[in-house]
């Protein structure tokens, strides 16, 4: 058995069992691009997000693929104050975990 595979499958296999109900009308993540640039928070968000929600755009801004968010709170823990506005998605939207 490889290190990345557990008796329950790999992390990727387990995450694939989850469902995502995207709220196409409202993102639950907003970035203040000026604050992100001033604090250099963008590259940090790109590095720490386990779901790869954040990406560095060619123009220097930070892109947000909110539909992929695992709602783990890692970005909230590392983002300087004022950079990120984050709340849970509206009821019935976001990630629906199928396996712990």
PDB file of N, CA and C in Angstrom:
ATOM      1  N   UNK A   1       0.849  -1.170   0.000  1.00  0.00           N
ATOM      2  CA  UNK A   1       0.000   0.000   0.000  1.00  0.00           C
ATOM      3  C   UNK A   1       0.899   1.238   0.000  1.00  0.00           C
ATOM      4  N   UNK A   2       0.626   2.182  -0.912  1.00  0.00           N
ATOM      5  CA  UNK A   2       1.425   3.403  -0.974  1.00  0.00           C
ATOM      6  C   UNK A   2       1.064   4.337   0.169  1.00  0.00           C
ATOM      7  N   UNK A   3       1.952   5.295   0.441  1.00  0.00           N
ATOM      8  CA  UNK A   3       1.741   6.226   1.539  1.00  0.00           C
ATOM      9  C   UNK A   3       0.486   7.071   1.339  1.00  0.00           C
ATOM     10  N   UNK A   4       0.171   7.388   0.103  1.00  0.00           N
ATOM     11  CA  UNK A   4      -0.979   8.264  -0.144  1.00  0.00           C
ATOM     12  C   UNK A   4      -2.308   7.513  -0.127  1.00  0.00           C
ATOM     13  N   UNK A   5      -2.253   6.203  -0.119  1.00  0.00           N
ATOM     14  CA  UNK A   5      -3.487   5.425  -0.121  1.00  0.00           C
ATOM     15  C   UNK A   5      -3.745   4.867   1.270  1.00  0.00           C
ATOM     16  N   UNK A   6      -4.946   5.096   1.756  1.00  0.00           N
ATOM     17  CA  UNK A   6      -5.352   4.567   3.051  1.00  0.00           C
ATOM     18  C   UNK A   6      -6.290   3.395   2.800  1.00  0.00           C
ATOM     19  N   UNK A   7      -6.687   2.678   3.848  1.00  0.00           N
ATOM     20  CA  UNK A   7      -7.669   1.602   3.642  1.00  0.00           C
ATOM     21  C   UNK A   7      -8.988   2.140   3.065  1.00  0.00           C
ATOM     22  N   UNK A   8      -9.190   3.459   3.162  1.00  0.00           N
ATOM     23  CA  UNK A   8     -10.426   4.079   2.677  1.00  0.00           C
ATOM     24  C   UNK A   8     -10.253   4.730   1.313  1.00  0.00           C
ATOM     25  N   UNK A   9      -9.054   4.643   0.733  1.00  0.00           N
ATOM     26  CA  UNK A   9      -8.790   5.254  -0.563  1.00  0.00           C
ATOM     27  C   UNK A   9      -7.888   6.468  -0.415  1.00  0.00           C
ATOM     28  N   UNK A  10      -7.478   7.022  -1.539  1.00  0.00           N
ATOM     29  CA  UNK A  10      -6.642   8.216  -1.506  1.00  0.00           C
ATOM     30  C   UNK A  10      -7.501   9.423  -1.155  1.00  0.00           C
ATOM     31  N   UNK A  11      -6.847  10.503  -0.789  1.00  0.00           N
ATOM     32  CA  UNK A  11      -7.579  11.733  -0.483  1.00  0.00           C
ATOM     33  C   UNK A  11      -8.405  12.165  -1.691  1.00  0.00           C
ATOM     34  N   UNK A  12      -7.818  12.096  -2.861  1.00  0.00           N
ATOM     35  CA  UNK A  12      -8.533  12.484  -4.084  1.00  0.00           C
ATOM     36  C   UNK A  12      -9.762  11.613  -4.305  1.00  0.00           C
ATOM     37  N   UNK A  13      -9.623  10.307  -4.112  1.00  0.00           N
ATOM     38  CA  UNK A  13     -10.762   9.399  -4.276  1.00  0.00           C
ATOM     39  C   UNK A  13     -11.870   9.727  -3.281  1.00  0.00           C
ATOM     40  N   UNK A  14     -11.477  10.048  -2.055  1.00  0.00           N
ATOM     41  CA  UNK A  14     -12.479  10.371  -1.028  1.00  0.00           C
ATOM     42  C   UNK A  14     -13.154  11.701  -1.318  1.00  0.00           C
ATOM     43  N   UNK A  15     -12.382  12.696  -1.757  1.00  0.00           N
ATOM     44  CA  UNK A  15     -12.974  13.996  -2.089  1.00  0.00           C
ATOM     45  C   UNK A  15     -13.920  13.901  -3.288  1.00  0.00           C
ATOM     46  N   UNK A  16     -13.621  12.986  -4.204  1.00  0.00           N
ATOM     47  CA  UNK A  16     -14.483  12.804  -5.380  1.00  0.00           C
ATOM     48  C   UNK A  16     -15.887  12.331  -5.013  1.00  0.00           C
ATOM     49  N   UNK A  17     -16.054  11.799  -3.814  1.00  0.00           N
ATOM     50  CA  UNK A  17     -17.372  11.327  -3.378  1.00  0.00           C
ATOM     51  C   UNK A  17     -18.276  12.469  -2.919  1.00  0.00           C
ATOM     52  N   UNK A  18     -17.679  13.628  -2.647  1.00  0.00           N
ATOM     53  CA  UNK A  18     -18.457  14.781  -2.193  1.00  0.00           C
ATOM     54  C   UNK A  18     -19.246  15.379  -3.349  1.00  0.00           C
ATOM     55  N   UNK A  19     -20.281  16.120  -2.990  1.00  0.00           N
ATOM     56  CA  UNK A  19     -21.080  16.849  -3.993  1.00  0.00           C
ATOM     57  C   UNK A  19     -20.906  18.328  -3.757  1.00  0.00           C
ATOM     58  N   UNK A  20     -20.996  19.086  -4.803  1.00  0.00           N
ATOM     59  CA  UNK A  20     -20.911  20.538  -4.736  1.00  0.00           C
ATOM     60  C   UNK A  20     -22.163  21.124  -5.360  1.00  0.00           C
ATOM     61  N   UNK A  21     -22.871  21.917  -4.604  1.00  0.00           N
ATOM     62  CA  UNK A  21     -24.034  22.627  -5.117  1.00  0.00           C
ATOM     63  C   UNK A  21     -23.628  24.091  -5.267  1.00  0.00           C
ATOM     64  N   UNK A  22     -23.286  24.476  -6.471  1.00  0.00           N
ATOM     65  CA  UNK A  22     -22.781  25.820  -6.720  1.00  0.00           C
ATOM     66  C   UNK A  22     -23.899  26.844  -6.672  1.00  0.00           C
ATOM     67  N   UNK A  23     -23.662  27.897  -5.939  1.00  0.00           N
ATOM     68  CA  UNK A  23     -24.583  29.032  -5.898  1.00  0.00           C
ATOM     69  C   UNK A  23     -24.159  29.972  -7.029  1.00  0.00           C
ATOM     70  N   UNK A  24     -24.784  29.833  -8.171  1.00  0.00           N
ATOM     71  CA  UNK A  24     -24.382  30.610  -9.343  1.00  0.00           C
ATOM     72  C   UNK A  24     -24.743  32.088  -9.222  1.00  0.00           C
ATOM     73  N   UNK A  25     -25.598  32.432  -8.286  1.00  0.00           N
ATOM     74  CA  UNK A  25     -26.014  33.810  -8.124  1.00  0.00           C
ATOM     75  C   UNK A  25     -25.143  34.590  -7.149  1.00  0.00           C
ATOM     76  N   UNK A  26     -24.422  33.896  -6.263  1.00  0.00           N
ATOM     77  CA  UNK A  26     -23.703  34.599  -5.205  1.00  0.00           C
ATOM     78  C   UNK A  26     -22.457  33.832  -4.776  1.00  0.00           C
ATOM     79  N   UNK A  27     -21.315  34.480  -4.867  1.00  0.00           N
ATOM     80  CA  UNK A  27     -20.076  33.901  -4.357  1.00  0.00           C
ATOM     81  C   UNK A  27     -20.013  34.132  -2.852  1.00  0.00           C
ATOM     82  N   UNK A  28     -19.534  33.167  -2.122  1.00  0.00           N
ATOM     83  CA  UNK A  28     -19.386  33.343  -0.676  1.00  0.00           C
ATOM     84  C   UNK A  28     -17.982  33.834  -0.312  1.00  0.00           C
ATOM     85  N   UNK A  29     -17.173  34.116  -1.335  1.00  0.00           N
ATOM     86  CA  UNK A  29     -15.819  34.611  -1.129  1.00  0.00           C
ATOM     87  C   UNK A  29     -15.618  35.877  -1.963  1.00  0.00           C
ATOM     88  N   UNK A  30     -15.171  36.933  -1.316  1.00  0.00           N
ATOM     89  CA  UNK A  30     -14.830  38.177  -2.008  1.00  0.00           C
ATOM     90  C   UNK A  30     -13.430  38.578  -1.577  1.00  0.00           C
ATOM     91  N   UNK A  31     -12.642  39.066  -2.527  1.00  0.00           N
ATOM     92  CA  UNK A  31     -11.287  39.530  -2.218  1.00  0.00           C
ATOM     93  C   UNK A  31     -11.202  41.009  -2.522  1.00  0.00           C
ATOM     94  N   UNK A  32     -10.648  41.758  -1.577  1.00  0.00           N
ATOM     95  CA  UNK A  32     -10.325  43.164  -1.811  1.00  0.00           C
ATOM     96  C   UNK A  32      -8.972  43.148  -2.517  1.00  0.00           C
ATOM     97  N   UNK A  33      -8.994  43.343  -3.826  1.00  0.00           N
ATOM     98  CA  UNK A  33      -7.781  43.203  -4.630  1.00  0.00           C
ATOM     99  C   UNK A  33      -6.700  44.207  -4.226  1.00  0.00           C
ATOM    100  N   UNK A  34      -7.106  45.420  -3.872  1.00  0.00           N
ATOM    101  CA  UNK A  34      -6.116  46.428  -3.451  1.00  0.00           C
ATOM    102  C   UNK A  34      -5.440  46.003  -2.154  1.00  0.00           C
ATOM    103  N   UNK A  35      -6.226  45.521  -1.197  1.00  0.00           N
ATOM    104  CA  UNK A  35      -5.657  45.065   0.075  1.00  0.00           C
ATOM    105  C   UNK A  35      -4.774  43.836  -0.133  1.00  0.00           C
ATOM    106  N   UNK A  36      -5.188  42.951  -1.028  1.00  0.00           N
ATOM    107  CA  UNK A  36      -4.392  41.756  -1.304  1.00  0.00           C
ATOM    108  C   UNK A  36      -3.042  42.140  -1.906  1.00  0.00           C
ATOM    109  N   UNK A  37      -3.043  43.107  -2.813  1.00  0.00           N
ATOM    110  CA  UNK A  37      -1.793  43.554  -3.428  1.00  0.00           C
ATOM    111  C   UNK A  37      -0.910  44.266  -2.412  1.00  0.00           C
ATOM    112  N   UNK A  38      -1.510  45.074  -1.566  1.00  0.00           N
ATOM    113  CA  UNK A  38      -0.747  45.847  -0.577  1.00  0.00           C
ATOM    114  C   UNK A  38      -0.110  44.962   0.486  1.00  0.00           C
ATOM    115  N   UNK A  39      -0.727  43.836   0.785  1.00  0.00           N
ATOM    116  CA  UNK A  39      -0.224  42.948   1.840  1.00  0.00           C
ATOM    117  C   UNK A  39       0.480  41.715   1.289  1.00  0.00           C
ATOM    118  N   UNK A  40       0.521  41.566  -0.015  1.00  0.00           N
ATOM    119  CA  UNK A  40       1.091  40.369  -0.655  1.00  0.00           C
ATOM    120  C   UNK A  40       0.377  39.101  -0.207  1.00  0.00           C
ATOM    121  N   UNK A  41      -0.914  39.218   0.097  1.00  0.00           N
ATOM    122  CA  UNK A  41      -1.692  38.069   0.558  1.00  0.00           C
ATOM    123  C   UNK A  41      -2.042  37.107  -0.572  1.00  0.00           C
ATOM    124  N   UNK A  42      -2.091  37.592  -1.800  1.00  0.00           N
ATOM    125  CA  UNK A  42      -2.496  36.753  -2.921  1.00  0.00           C
ATOM    126  C   UNK A  42      -1.694  35.479  -3.063  1.00  0.00           C
ATOM    127  N   UNK A  43      -0.367  35.577  -3.171  1.00  0.00           N
ATOM    128  CA  UNK A  43       0.433  34.356  -3.296  1.00  0.00           C
ATOM    129  C   UNK A  43       0.268  33.406  -2.113  1.00  0.00           C
ATOM    130  N   UNK A  44       0.054  33.961  -0.928  1.00  0.00           N
ATOM    131  CA  UNK A  44      -0.159  33.133   0.259  1.00  0.00           C
ATOM    132  C   UNK A  44      -1.455  32.334   0.123  1.00  0.00           C
ATOM    133  N   UNK A  45      -2.529  32.994  -0.296  1.00  0.00           N
ATOM    134  CA  UNK A  45      -3.807  32.293  -0.481  1.00  0.00           C
ATOM    135  C   UNK A  45      -3.681  31.200  -1.535  1.00  0.00           C
ATOM    136  N   UNK A  46      -2.970  31.500  -2.606  1.00  0.00           N
ATOM    137  CA  UNK A  46      -2.770  30.513  -3.676  1.00  0.00           C
ATOM    138  C   UNK A  46      -2.052  29.284  -3.125  1.00  0.00           C
ATOM    139  N   UNK A  47      -1.036  29.505  -2.294  1.00  0.00           N
ATOM    140  CA  UNK A  47      -0.234  28.398  -1.753  1.00  0.00           C
ATOM    141  C   UNK A  47      -0.972  27.551  -0.737  1.00  0.00           C
ATOM    142  N   UNK A  48      -1.752  28.161   0.147  1.00  0.00           N
ATOM    143  CA  UNK A  48      -2.287  27.394   1.281  1.00  0.00           C
ATOM    144  C   UNK A  48      -3.630  26.723   1.037  1.00  0.00           C
ATOM    145  N   UNK A  49      -4.375  27.147   0.053  1.00  0.00           N
ATOM    146  CA  UNK A  49      -5.714  26.585  -0.150  1.00  0.00           C
ATOM    147  C   UNK A  49      -5.628  25.139  -0.641  1.00  0.00           C
ATOM    148  N   UNK A  50      -6.143  24.176   0.135  1.00  0.00           N
ATOM    149  CA  UNK A  50      -6.061  22.776  -0.279  1.00  0.00           C
ATOM    150  C   UNK A  50      -6.928  22.450  -1.492  1.00  0.00           C
ATOM    151  N   UNK A  51      -7.907  23.277  -1.790  1.00  0.00           N
ATOM    152  CA  UNK A  51      -8.799  23.024  -2.920  1.00  0.00           C
ATOM    153  C   UNK A  51      -8.406  23.816  -4.165  1.00  0.00           C
ATOM    154  N   UNK A  52      -7.336  24.586  -4.084  1.00  0.00           N
ATOM    155  CA  UNK A  52      -6.863  25.406  -5.211  1.00  0.00           C
ATOM    156  C   UNK A  52      -7.937  26.374  -5.698  1.00  0.00           C
ATOM    157  N   UNK A  53      -8.637  26.978  -4.741  1.00  0.00           N
ATOM    158  CA  UNK A  53      -9.686  27.944  -5.064  1.00  0.00           C
ATOM    159  C   UNK A  53      -9.095  29.238  -5.615  1.00  0.00           C
ATOM    160  N   UNK A  54      -7.929  29.621  -5.117  1.00  0.00           N
ATOM    161  CA  UNK A  54      -7.314  30.899  -5.482  1.00  0.00           C
ATOM    162  C   UNK A  54      -6.242  30.690  -6.540  1.00  0.00           C
ATOM    163  N   UNK A  55      -6.145  31.668  -7.459  1.00  0.00           N
ATOM    164  CA  UNK A  55      -5.116  31.601  -8.499  1.00  0.00           C
ATOM    165  C   UNK A  55      -4.609  33.012  -8.790  1.00  0.00           C
ATOM    166  N   UNK A  56      -3.327  33.083  -9.122  1.00  0.00           N
ATOM    167  CA  UNK A  56      -2.712  34.360  -9.495  1.00  0.00           C
ATOM    168  C   UNK A  56      -3.011  34.599 -10.969  1.00  0.00           C
ATOM    169  N   UNK A  57      -3.639  35.712 -11.281  1.00  0.00           N
ATOM    170  CA  UNK A  57      -3.983  36.051 -12.657  1.00  0.00           C
ATOM    171  C   UNK A  57      -2.824  36.808 -13.311  1.00  0.00           C
ATOM    172  N   UNK A  58      -2.813  36.852 -14.628  1.00  0.00           N
ATOM    173  CA  UNK A  58      -1.737  37.534 -15.347  1.00  0.00           C
ATOM    174  C   UNK A  58      -1.640  39.008 -14.998  1.00  0.00           C
ATOM    175  N   UNK A  59      -2.766  39.634 -14.671  1.00  0.00           N
ATOM    176  CA  UNK A  59      -2.760  41.061 -14.338  1.00  0.00           C
ATOM    177  C   UNK A  59      -2.394  41.318 -12.874  1.00  0.00           C
ATOM    178  N   UNK A  60      -2.053  40.259 -12.133  1.00  0.00           N
ATOM    179  CA  UNK A  60      -1.645  40.403 -10.739  1.00  0.00           C
ATOM    180  C   UNK A  60      -2.769  40.239  -9.734  1.00  0.00           C
ATOM    181  N   UNK A  61      -4.006  40.195 -10.193  1.00  0.00           N
ATOM    182  CA  UNK A  61      -5.124  40.006  -9.275  1.00  0.00           C
ATOM    183  C   UNK A  61      -5.225  38.537  -8.874  1.00  0.00           C
ATOM    184  N   UNK A  62      -6.062  38.280  -7.884  1.00  0.00           N
ATOM    185  CA  UNK A  62      -6.271  36.918  -7.413  1.00  0.00           C
ATOM    186  C   UNK A  62      -7.639  36.441  -7.885  1.00  0.00           C
ATOM    187  N   UNK A  63      -7.649  35.352  -8.630  1.00  0.00           N
ATOM    188  CA  UNK A  63      -8.893  34.752  -9.083  1.00  0.00           C
ATOM    189  C   UNK A  63      -9.465  33.848  -8.015  1.00  0.00           C
ATOM    190  N   UNK A  64     -10.786  33.725  -8.010  1.00  0.00           N
ATOM    191  CA  UNK A  64     -11.465  32.894  -7.014  1.00  0.00           C
ATOM    192  C   UNK A  64     -12.407  31.928  -7.722  1.00  0.00           C
ATOM    193  N   UNK A  65     -12.176  30.641  -7.562  1.00  0.00           N
ATOM    194  CA  UNK A  65     -13.068  29.603  -8.085  1.00  0.00           C
ATOM    195  C   UNK A  65     -13.867  29.074  -6.899  1.00  0.00           C
ATOM    196  N   UNK A  66     -14.833  29.872  -6.452  1.00  0.00           N
ATOM    197  CA  UNK A  66     -15.546  29.581  -5.206  1.00  0.00           C
ATOM    198  C   UNK A  66     -16.314  28.276  -5.236  1.00  0.00           C
ATOM    199  N   UNK A  67     -16.662  27.788  -6.402  1.00  0.00           N
ATOM    200  CA  UNK A  67     -17.425  26.540  -6.500  1.00  0.00           C
ATOM    201  C   UNK A  67     -16.627  25.336  -5.989  1.00  0.00           C
ATOM    202  N   UNK A  68     -15.305  25.444  -5.946  1.00  0.00           N
ATOM    203  CA  UNK A  68     -14.464  24.331  -5.499  1.00  0.00           C
ATOM    204  C   UNK A  68     -14.147  24.387  -4.010  1.00  0.00           C
ATOM    205  N   UNK A  69     -14.639  25.384  -3.312  1.00  0.00           N
ATOM    206  CA  UNK A  69     -14.282  25.615  -1.913  1.00  0.00           C
ATOM    207  C   UNK A  69     -14.731  24.461  -1.015  1.00  0.00           C
ATOM    208  N   UNK A  70     -13.806  24.008  -0.156  1.00  0.00           N
ATOM    209  CA  UNK A  70     -14.104  22.953   0.818  1.00  0.00           C
ATOM    210  C   UNK A  70     -14.646  23.516   2.129  1.00  0.00           C
ATOM    211  N   UNK A  71     -14.700  24.833   2.232  1.00  0.00           N
ATOM    212  CA  UNK A  71     -15.206  25.520   3.431  1.00  0.00           C
ATOM    213  C   UNK A  71     -14.413  25.127   4.675  1.00  0.00           C
ATOM    214  N   UNK A  72     -13.105  24.970   4.505  1.00  0.00           N
ATOM    215  CA  UNK A  72     -12.255  24.526   5.610  1.00  0.00           C
ATOM    216  C   UNK A  72     -11.770  25.673   6.489  1.00  0.00           C
ATOM    217  N   UNK A  73     -11.745  26.889   5.955  1.00  0.00           N
ATOM    218  CA  UNK A  73     -11.332  28.042   6.738  1.00  0.00           C
ATOM    219  C   UNK A  73      -9.848  28.347   6.707  1.00  0.00           C
ATOM    220  N   UNK A  74      -9.069  27.611   5.941  1.00  0.00           N
ATOM    221  CA  UNK A  74      -7.636  27.870   5.872  1.00  0.00           C
ATOM    222  C   UNK A  74      -7.362  29.297   5.414  1.00  0.00           C
ATOM    223  N   UNK A  75      -8.080  29.755   4.415  1.00  0.00           N
ATOM    224  CA  UNK A  75      -7.859  31.110   3.905  1.00  0.00           C
ATOM    225  C   UNK A  75      -8.154  32.156   4.975  1.00  0.00           C
ATOM    226  N   UNK A  76      -9.161  31.915   5.781  1.00  0.00           N
ATOM    227  CA  UNK A  76      -9.493  32.848   6.862  1.00  0.00           C
ATOM    228  C   UNK A  76      -8.388  32.904   7.907  1.00  0.00           C
ATOM    229  N   UNK A  77      -7.735  31.805   8.123  1.00  0.00           N
ATOM    230  CA  UNK A  77      -6.681  31.743   9.131  1.00  0.00           C
ATOM    231  C   UNK A  77      -5.424  32.487   8.710  1.00  0.00           C
ATOM    232  N   UNK A  78      -5.166  32.584   7.413  1.00  0.00           N
ATOM    233  CA  UNK A  78      -3.913  33.184   6.957  1.00  0.00           C
ATOM    234  C   UNK A  78      -4.064  34.573   6.335  1.00  0.00           C
ATOM    235  N   UNK A  79      -5.243  34.926   5.885  1.00  0.00           N
ATOM    236  CA  UNK A  79      -5.419  36.215   5.208  1.00  0.00           C
ATOM    237  C   UNK A  79      -5.332  37.372   6.199  1.00  0.00           C
ATOM    238  N   UNK A  80      -4.563  38.407   5.868  1.00  0.00           N
ATOM    239  CA  UNK A  80      -4.517  39.589   6.727  1.00  0.00           C
ATOM    240  C   UNK A  80      -5.904  40.236   6.800  1.00  0.00           C
ATOM    241  N   UNK A  81      -6.194  40.921   7.882  1.00  0.00           N
ATOM    242  CA  UNK A  81      -7.495  41.590   8.032  1.00  0.00           C
ATOM    243  C   UNK A  81      -7.785  42.516   6.842  1.00  0.00           C
ATOM    244  N   UNK A  82      -9.024  42.459   6.371  1.00  0.00           N
ATOM    245  CA  UNK A  82      -9.462  43.333   5.292  1.00  0.00           C
ATOM    246  C   UNK A  82      -9.275  42.790   3.891  1.00  0.00           C
ATOM    247  N   UNK A  83      -8.544  41.691   3.745  1.00  0.00           N
ATOM    248  CA  UNK A  83      -8.285  41.134   2.420  1.00  0.00           C
ATOM    249  C   UNK A  83      -9.438  40.265   1.945  1.00  0.00           C
ATOM    250  N   UNK A  84     -10.006  39.499   2.836  1.00  0.00           N
ATOM    251  CA  UNK A  84     -10.963  38.468   2.472  1.00  0.00           C
ATOM    252  C   UNK A  84     -12.294  38.683   3.177  1.00  0.00           C
ATOM    253  N   UNK A  85     -13.349  38.587   2.415  1.00  0.00           N
ATOM    254  CA  UNK A  85     -14.692  38.556   2.982  1.00  0.00           C
ATOM    255  C   UNK A  85     -15.236  37.172   2.673  1.00  0.00           C
ATOM    256  N   UNK A  86     -15.498  36.382   3.703  1.00  0.00           N
ATOM    257  CA  UNK A  86     -15.886  34.984   3.531  1.00  0.00           C
ATOM    258  C   UNK A  86     -17.041  34.665   4.467  1.00  0.00           C
ATOM    259  N   UNK A  87     -18.018  33.969   3.960  1.00  0.00           N
ATOM    260  CA  UNK A  87     -19.114  33.460   4.781  1.00  0.00           C
ATOM    261  C   UNK A  87     -19.531  32.125   4.189  1.00  0.00           C
ATOM    262  N   UNK A  88     -20.229  31.337   4.972  1.00  0.00           N
ATOM    263  CA  UNK A  88     -20.715  30.064   4.434  1.00  0.00           C
ATOM    264  C   UNK A  88     -21.705  30.336   3.312  1.00  0.00           C
ATOM    265  N   UNK A  89     -21.752  29.460   2.315  1.00  0.00           N
ATOM    266  CA  UNK A  89     -22.739  29.621   1.242  1.00  0.00           C
ATOM    267  C   UNK A  89     -24.162  29.560   1.796  1.00  0.00           C
ATOM    268  N   UNK A  90     -25.075  30.071   1.016  1.00  0.00           N
ATOM    269  CA  UNK A  90     -26.489  30.036   1.420  1.00  0.00           C
ATOM    270  C   UNK A  90     -26.931  28.584   1.615  1.00  0.00           C
ATOM    271  N   UNK A  91     -27.973  28.396   2.396  1.00  0.00           N
ATOM    272  CA  UNK A  91     -28.482  27.063   2.719  1.00  0.00           C
ATOM    273  C   UNK A  91     -28.653  26.170   1.502  1.00  0.00           C
ATOM    274  N   UNK A  92     -28.150  24.962   1.604  1.00  0.00           N
ATOM    275  CA  UNK A  92     -28.271  23.991   0.525  1.00  0.00           C
ATOM    276  C   UNK A  92     -27.228  24.147  -0.565  1.00  0.00           C
ATOM    277  N   UNK A  93     -26.346  25.113  -0.420  1.00  0.00           N
ATOM    278  CA  UNK A  93     -25.310  25.352  -1.427  1.00  0.00           C
ATOM    279  C   UNK A  93     -23.943  25.037  -0.822  1.00  0.00           C
ATOM    280  N   UNK A  94     -22.933  24.968  -1.665  1.00  0.00           N
ATOM    281  CA  UNK A  94     -21.570  24.684  -1.211  1.00  0.00           C
ATOM    282  C   UNK A  94     -21.282  23.200  -1.263  1.00  0.00           C
ATOM    283  N   UNK A  95     -20.330  22.786  -0.449  1.00  0.00           N
ATOM    284  CA  UNK A  95     -19.916  21.380  -0.456  1.00  0.00           C
ATOM    285  C   UNK A  95     -20.860  20.550   0.418  1.00  0.00           C
ATOM    286  N   UNK A  96     -21.118  19.353  -0.047  1.00  0.00           N
ATOM    287  CA  UNK A  96     -21.931  18.392   0.709  1.00  0.00           C
ATOM    288  C   UNK A  96     -21.026  17.164   0.881  1.00  0.00           C
ATOM    289  N   UNK A  97     -20.478  17.021   2.090  1.00  0.00           N
ATOM    290  CA  UNK A  97     -19.531  15.954   2.355  1.00  0.00           C
ATOM    291  C   UNK A  97     -20.232  14.607   2.382  1.00  0.00           C
ATOM    292  N   UNK A  98     -19.646  13.652   1.684  1.00  0.00           N
ATOM    293  CA  UNK A  98     -20.160  12.283   1.650  1.00  0.00           C
ATOM    294  C   UNK A  98     -19.327  11.349   2.508  1.00  0.00           C
ATOM    295  N   UNK A  99     -18.076  11.763   2.754  1.00  0.00           N
ATOM    296  CA  UNK A  99     -17.182  10.917   3.523  1.00  0.00           C
ATOM    297  C   UNK A  99     -16.254  11.824   4.313  1.00  0.00           C
ATOM    298  N   UNK A 100     -16.139  11.580   5.612  1.00  0.00           N
ATOM    299  CA  UNK A 100     -15.377  12.366   6.562  1.00  0.00           C
ATOM    300  C   UNK A 100     -14.060  12.783   6.112  1.00  0.00           C
TER     301      UNK A 100
END
